Amino acid sequence: MKALRWIYPSIVGLLLGLLQTGLFFQLSFTLSSSFRTFLMVTVCWLLGSVVGIRIAKQVPWPLNRFTLLAILAYFACVLLLGAAPFQSALWPVYAGFIVLAGLYPGVFFVRFGEYYRARDLFLKENNGFIVGLSSGTILFLVLGRAVLWVAPVLIAVGVAVCTDRLLSHQDLLESV
């Protein structure tokens, strides 16, 4: 269980990296490969994170509900891209989905900031995020587009299970 506590922020970072990689690649291929796409993913994700930080204590949802919201927003974006490719009029809708996906990291940092030192939480999550970005890119290049659909779901399920296990052992978390 201590190993899970130690690696959990990195697993969350892995999920976040996979989500951002997937959003970027899918938007680049079916909307626009311009700098605006990269900028939209980055800015909207950060905006969602800031909103997540602000609402983390006010919205009584369990953390896994925010994980589910992030996955649902991700796939809503993917489905809309498939149904209406290259429709630039839908930029605001995609931006909204990205903001919704970005809520999860903000809520995660606030809620788990109570159990981890900030520098440890940021270091581990950031390292996982980098692994998610790079592995998502490499897996996409080797295995194709299906990886952008399957990998985030598999890791999200793992994150949800880990979240439940950790929160059911709060005494272990409080010893951080």
Protein backbone atom coordinates (compact mmCIF):
# COMPACT_ATOMS: atom_id res chain seq x y z
CA MET A 1 0.00 0.00 0.00
CA LYS A 2 2.89 2.39 0.67
CA ALA A 3 4.14 1.73 -2.86
CA LEU A 4 0.72 2.70 -4.20
CA ARG A 5 0.80 5.91 -2.17
CA TRP A 6 4.24 6.67 -3.57
CA ILE A 7 3.39 6.02 -7.24
CA TYR A 8 -0.23 7.24 -7.34
CA PRO A 9 0.50 10.87 -8.40
CA SER A 10 2.65 9.53 -11.24
CA ILE A 11 -0.20 7.33 -12.47
CA VAL A 12 -2.51 10.35 -12.44
CA GLY A 13 0.14 12.29 -14.39
CA LEU A 14 0.34 9.43 -16.89
CA LEU A 15 -3.41 9.68 -17.46
CA LEU A 16 -3.26 13.46 -17.88
CA GLY A 17 -0.38 13.17 -20.36
CA LEU A 18 -2.28 10.57 -22.38
CA LEU A 19 -5.40 12.75 -22.45
CA GLN A 20 -3.51 15.83 -23.63
CA THR A 21 -1.60 13.84 -26.24
CA GLY A 22 -4.80 12.28 -27.50
CA LEU A 23 -6.60 15.60 -27.67
CA PHE A 24 -3.74 17.24 -29.53
CA PHE A 25 -3.30 14.46 -32.10
CA GLN A 26 -6.98 14.00 -32.78
CA LEU A 27 -7.66 17.72 -33.08
CA SER A 28 -4.60 18.12 -35.30
CA PHE A 29 -5.74 15.38 -37.66
CA THR A 30 -9.43 16.20 -37.92
CA LEU A 31 -9.71 19.92 -37.22
CA SER A 32 -6.49 21.82 -37.86
CA SER A 33 -2.79 21.19 -37.52
CA SER A 34 -2.05 24.84 -36.88
CA PHE A 35 -0.44 26.37 -33.83
CA ARG A 36 -3.94 27.42 -32.74
CA THR A 37 -4.80 23.78 -32.03
CA PHE A 38 -1.83 23.34 -29.70
CA LEU A 39 -2.59 26.67 -28.08
CA MET A 40 -6.27 25.77 -27.60
CA VAL A 41 -5.45 22.45 -25.94
CA THR A 42 -2.90 24.06 -23.62
CA VAL A 43 -4.85 27.18 -22.66
CA CYS A 44 -8.20 25.43 -22.24
CA TRP A 45 -6.61 22.65 -20.19
CA LEU A 46 -4.97 25.22 -17.90
CA LEU A 47 -8.22 27.17 -17.65
CA GLY A 48 -10.04 23.99 -16.66
CA SER A 49 -7.37 23.27 -14.05
CA VAL A 50 -7.75 26.74 -12.55
CA VAL A 51 -11.52 26.31 -12.40
CA GLY A 52 -10.96 22.86 -10.85
CA ILE A 53 -8.78 24.41 -8.17
CA ARG A 54 -11.50 26.96 -7.42
CA ILE A 55 -14.35 24.43 -7.19
CA ALA A 56 -12.49 21.52 -5.57
CA LYS A 57 -13.79 22.27 -2.08
CA GLN A 58 -17.23 23.57 -3.10
CA VAL A 59 -18.33 20.69 -5.34
CA PRO A 60 -18.87 17.60 -3.18
CA TRP A 61 -18.32 15.10 -5.99
CA PRO A 62 -15.89 12.27 -5.31
CA LEU A 63 -12.62 12.59 -7.20
CA ASN A 64 -13.48 9.63 -9.43
CA ARG A 65 -16.49 11.52 -10.74
CA PHE A 66 -14.10 14.17 -12.04
CA THR A 67 -12.00 11.40 -13.59
CA LEU A 68 -15.12 10.13 -15.34
CA LEU A 69 -16.02 13.66 -16.44
CA ALA A 70 -12.54 14.06 -17.98
CA ILE A 71 -12.89 10.78 -19.90
CA LEU A 72 -16.42 11.63 -21.05
CA ALA A 73 -15.33 15.09 -22.23
CA TYR A 74 -12.37 13.51 -24.04
CA PHE A 75 -14.59 11.04 -25.87
CA ALA A 76 -17.25 13.65 -26.60
CA CYS A 77 -14.51 15.61 -28.34
CA VAL A 78 -13.38 12.48 -30.23
CA LEU A 79 -16.93 11.61 -31.30
CA LEU A 80 -17.66 15.14 -32.47
CA LEU A 81 -14.40 15.20 -34.44
CA GLY A 82 -15.45 11.95 -36.11
CA ALA A 83 -18.96 13.19 -36.86
CA ALA A 84 -17.95 16.64 -38.10
CA PRO A 85 -14.30 16.70 -39.19
CA PHE A 86 -12.69 19.97 -40.23
CA GLN A 87 -15.60 22.08 -38.98
CA SER A 88 -13.83 25.14 -37.64
CA ALA A 89 -17.11 26.59 -36.40
CA LEU A 90 -16.95 23.97 -33.62
CA TRP A 91 -13.73 25.37 -32.05
CA PRO A 92 -15.67 26.73 -29.03
CA VAL A 93 -17.30 23.34 -28.43
CA TYR A 94 -13.92 21.58 -28.49
CA ALA A 95 -12.56 24.24 -26.17
CA GLY A 96 -15.42 23.56 -23.75
CA PHE A 97 -14.72 19.83 -23.77
CA ILE A 98 -11.05 20.48 -23.05
CA VAL A 99 -11.94 22.80 -20.16
CA LEU A 100 -14.16 20.04 -18.72
CA ALA A 101 -11.33 17.51 -19.03
CA GLY A 102 -8.98 20.00 -17.36
CA LEU A 103 -11.15 20.24 -14.23
CA TYR A 104 -9.81 16.91 -12.98
CA PRO A 105 -6.15 17.93 -12.49
CA GLY A 106 -7.17 21.06 -10.58
CA VAL A 107 -9.44 19.12 -8.24
CA PHE A 108 -6.81 16.38 -7.88
CA PHE A 109 -4.11 18.84 -6.77
CA VAL A 110 -6.33 20.52 -4.20
CA ARG A 111 -7.67 17.32 -2.70
CA PHE A 112 -4.40 15.41 -2.62
CA GLY A 113 -2.44 18.48 -1.58
CA GLU A 114 -3.80 17.68 1.88
CA TYR A 115 -1.93 14.35 1.89
CA TYR A 116 1.29 15.10 -0.01
CA ARG A 117 3.83 17.88 0.23
CA ALA A 118 3.27 20.19 -2.72
CA ARG A 119 6.72 19.65 -4.19
CA ASP A 120 6.39 15.85 -4.01
CA LEU A 121 2.93 15.93 -5.56
CA PHE A 122 4.03 18.20 -8.42
CA LEU A 123 7.25 16.28 -9.03
CA LYS A 124 5.58 12.88 -9.21
CA GLU A 125 2.58 14.05 -11.22
CA ASN A 126 4.81 15.98 -13.62
CA ASN A 127 7.10 12.98 -14.17
CA GLY A 128 4.05 10.82 -14.89
CA PHE A 129 2.73 13.53 -17.22
CA ILE A 130 5.98 13.52 -19.21
CA VAL A 131 5.83 9.72 -19.44
CA GLY A 132 2.20 10.02 -20.61
CA LEU A 133 3.08 12.55 -23.31
CA SER A 134 6.03 10.56 -24.61
CA SER A 135 4.48 7.08 -24.32
CA GLY A 136 1.23 8.30 -25.87
CA THR A 137 3.18 9.68 -28.81
CA ILE A 138 5.34 6.58 -29.25
CA LEU A 139 2.41 4.16 -28.83
CA PHE A 140 0.41 6.18 -31.35
CA LEU A 141 3.28 6.04 -33.86
CA VAL A 142 3.76 2.29 -33.37
CA LEU A 143 0.20 1.04 -32.85
CA GLY A 144 -1.98 3.68 -34.48
CA ARG A 145 -4.97 5.77 -33.57
CA ALA A 146 -6.74 3.09 -31.50
CA VAL A 147 -4.16 3.69 -28.77
CA LEU A 148 -5.58 7.19 -28.35
CA TRP A 149 -8.93 5.59 -27.48
CA VAL A 150 -7.86 2.57 -25.44
CA ALA A 151 -4.91 3.79 -23.36
CA PRO A 152 -6.72 6.67 -21.58
CA VAL A 153 -9.59 4.37 -20.60
CA LEU A 154 -7.28 1.67 -19.24
CA ILE A 155 -5.24 4.15 -17.22
CA ALA A 156 -8.39 5.96 -16.01
CA VAL A 157 -9.75 2.68 -14.66
CA GLY A 158 -6.42 2.10 -12.92
CA VAL A 159 -6.49 5.62 -11.47
CA ALA A 160 -10.06 5.13 -10.24
CA VAL A 161 -9.16 1.86 -8.50
CA CYS A 162 -6.06 3.41 -6.94
CA THR A 163 -8.04 6.45 -5.79
CA ASP A 164 -10.61 4.27 -4.07
CA ARG A 165 -7.92 2.14 -2.40
CA LEU A 166 -5.97 5.15 -1.17
CA LEU A 167 -8.98 7.05 0.10
CA SER A 168 -10.22 3.96 1.92
CA HIS A 169 -6.86 3.94 3.77
CA GLN A 170 -6.76 7.61 4.77
CA ASP A 171 -4.66 6.76 7.79
CA LEU A 172 -1.89 5.74 5.40
CA LEU A 173 -2.34 8.93 3.37
CA GLU A 174 -2.17 11.10 6.47
CA SER A 175 1.26 9.68 7.31
CA VAL A 176 2.71 11.26 4.18
